[in-house]
Amino acid sequence: MSKDQDQTAEGRVADLLRESGLGESLVPTYAAAYTALYATEFAAQLRAAGHETAAALIQPDPALIDAAWGDE
């Protein structure tokens, strides 16, 4: 297995953010927020298809997303 195959989605997003030039101090927060937003979108799709239990398993804590954006 290659390094990319072993890497988590959040790790891959973090690598892409670093490559884009985002400040290192922001990378962990933004990577976590991005993957949480994606999970939220996927959970909504599951709910719309009637899969509430599955959606509840992947729905992230909204505080994780809110923390990335500060007090805006």
C-alpha atoms as a PDB file:
ATOM      1  CA  MET A   1       0.000   0.000   0.000  1.00  0.00           C
ATOM      2  CA  SER A   2       1.291   3.459  -0.839  1.00  0.00           C
ATOM      3  CA  LYS A   3       1.460   6.372   1.585  1.00  0.00           C
ATOM      4  CA  ASP A   4      -1.583   7.974  -0.088  1.00  0.00           C
ATOM      5  CA  GLN A   5      -3.625   4.790   0.365  1.00  0.00           C
ATOM      6  CA  ASP A   6      -2.773   4.685   4.095  1.00  0.00           C
ATOM      7  CA  GLN A   7      -3.576   8.347   4.671  1.00  0.00           C
ATOM      8  CA  THR A   8      -6.886   9.465   6.157  1.00  0.00           C
ATOM      9  CA  ALA A   9      -9.126  11.911   4.344  1.00  0.00           C
ATOM     10  CA  GLU A  10      -8.275  14.573   6.925  1.00  0.00           C
ATOM     11  CA  GLY A  11      -4.560  13.925   6.426  1.00  0.00           C
ATOM     12  CA  ARG A  12      -4.879  14.279   2.660  1.00  0.00           C
ATOM     13  CA  VAL A  13      -6.823  17.528   3.042  1.00  0.00           C
ATOM     14  CA  ALA A  14      -4.122  18.798   5.400  1.00  0.00           C
ATOM     15  CA  ASP A  15      -1.454  18.003   2.797  1.00  0.00           C
ATOM     16  CA  LEU A  16      -3.403  19.874   0.124  1.00  0.00           C
ATOM     17  CA  LEU A  17      -3.844  22.879   2.394  1.00  0.00           C
ATOM     18  CA  ARG A  18      -0.099  22.934   3.080  1.00  0.00           C
ATOM     19  CA  GLU A  19       0.612  22.697  -0.655  1.00  0.00           C
ATOM     20  CA  SER A  20      -1.730  25.648  -1.236  1.00  0.00           C
ATOM     21  CA  GLY A  21       0.354  27.793   1.129  1.00  0.00           C
ATOM     22  CA  LEU A  22      -2.056  28.004   4.061  1.00  0.00           C
ATOM     23  CA  GLY A  23      -0.234  28.874   7.272  1.00  0.00           C
ATOM     24  CA  GLU A  24       0.806  25.770   9.204  1.00  0.00           C
ATOM     25  CA  SER A  25      -0.978  26.915  12.349  1.00  0.00           C
ATOM     26  CA  LEU A  26      -4.307  26.928  10.461  1.00  0.00           C
ATOM     27  CA  VAL A  27      -3.908  23.590   8.684  1.00  0.00           C
ATOM     28  CA  PRO A  28      -5.185  21.250  11.438  1.00  0.00           C
ATOM     29  CA  THR A  29      -8.266  23.362  12.159  1.00  0.00           C
ATOM     30  CA  TYR A  30      -9.197  23.885   8.515  1.00  0.00           C
ATOM     31  CA  ALA A  31      -8.590  20.240   7.606  1.00  0.00           C
ATOM     32  CA  ALA A  32     -10.830  19.086  10.455  1.00  0.00           C
ATOM     33  CA  ALA A  33     -13.499  21.637   9.523  1.00  0.00           C
ATOM     34  CA  TYR A  34     -13.435  20.635   5.852  1.00  0.00           C
ATOM     35  CA  THR A  35     -13.833  16.945   6.582  1.00  0.00           C
ATOM     36  CA  ALA A  36     -16.562  17.717   9.140  1.00  0.00           C
ATOM     37  CA  LEU A  37     -18.459  19.781   6.574  1.00  0.00           C
ATOM     38  CA  TYR A  38     -18.169  16.950   4.071  1.00  0.00           C
ATOM     39  CA  ALA A  39     -19.437  14.448   6.647  1.00  0.00           C
ATOM     40  CA  THR A  40     -22.344  16.780   7.424  1.00  0.00           C
ATOM     41  CA  GLU A  41     -23.252  16.918   3.734  1.00  0.00           C
ATOM     42  CA  PHE A  42     -23.056  13.144   3.434  1.00  0.00           C
ATOM     43  CA  ALA A  43     -25.174  12.705   6.588  1.00  0.00           C
ATOM     44  CA  ALA A  44     -27.824  14.991   5.081  1.00  0.00           C
ATOM     45  CA  GLN A  45     -27.896  12.848   1.938  1.00  0.00           C
ATOM     46  CA  LEU A  46     -28.337   9.723   4.060  1.00  0.00           C
ATOM     47  CA  ARG A  47     -31.177  11.344   6.015  1.00  0.00           C
ATOM     48  CA  ALA A  48     -32.887  12.380   2.783  1.00  0.00           C
ATOM     49  CA  ALA A  49     -32.725   8.759   1.657  1.00  0.00           C
ATOM     50  CA  GLY A  50     -34.283   7.595   4.926  1.00  0.00           C
ATOM     51  CA  HIS A  51     -31.137   6.323   6.628  1.00  0.00           C
ATOM     52  CA  GLU A  52     -31.326   8.273   9.906  1.00  0.00           C
ATOM     53  CA  THR A  53     -29.317   5.758  11.954  1.00  0.00           C
ATOM     54  CA  ALA A  54     -26.422   5.755   9.492  1.00  0.00           C
ATOM     55  CA  ALA A  55     -26.516   9.543   9.256  1.00  0.00           C
ATOM     56  CA  ALA A  56     -26.311   9.860  13.038  1.00  0.00           C
ATOM     57  CA  LEU A  57     -23.150   7.733  13.058  1.00  0.00           C
ATOM     58  CA  ILE A  58     -21.222  10.081  10.763  1.00  0.00           C
ATOM     59  CA  GLN A  59     -22.685  13.437  11.798  1.00  0.00           C
ATOM     60  CA  PRO A  60     -19.797  15.438  13.329  1.00  0.00           C
ATOM     61  CA  ASP A  61     -20.068  17.692  16.346  1.00  0.00           C
ATOM     62  CA  PRO A  62     -21.159  21.140  15.036  1.00  0.00           C
ATOM     63  CA  ALA A  63     -18.745  22.762  17.498  1.00  0.00           C
ATOM     64  CA  LEU A  64     -15.844  21.428  15.424  1.00  0.00           C
ATOM     65  CA  ILE A  65     -17.022  23.380  12.390  1.00  0.00           C
ATOM     66  CA  ASP A  66     -17.873  26.488  14.412  1.00  0.00           C
ATOM     67  CA  ALA A  67     -14.409  26.495  16.009  1.00  0.00           C
ATOM     68  CA  ALA A  68     -12.756  26.796  12.602  1.00  0.00           C
ATOM     69  CA  TRP A  69     -14.522  30.063  11.830  1.00  0.00           C
ATOM     70  CA  GLY A  70     -14.112  31.769  15.212  1.00  0.00           C
ATOM     71  CA  ASP A  71     -16.606  34.344  16.430  1.00  0.00           C
ATOM     72  CA  GLU A  72     -17.756  35.564  13.009  1.00  0.00           C
END
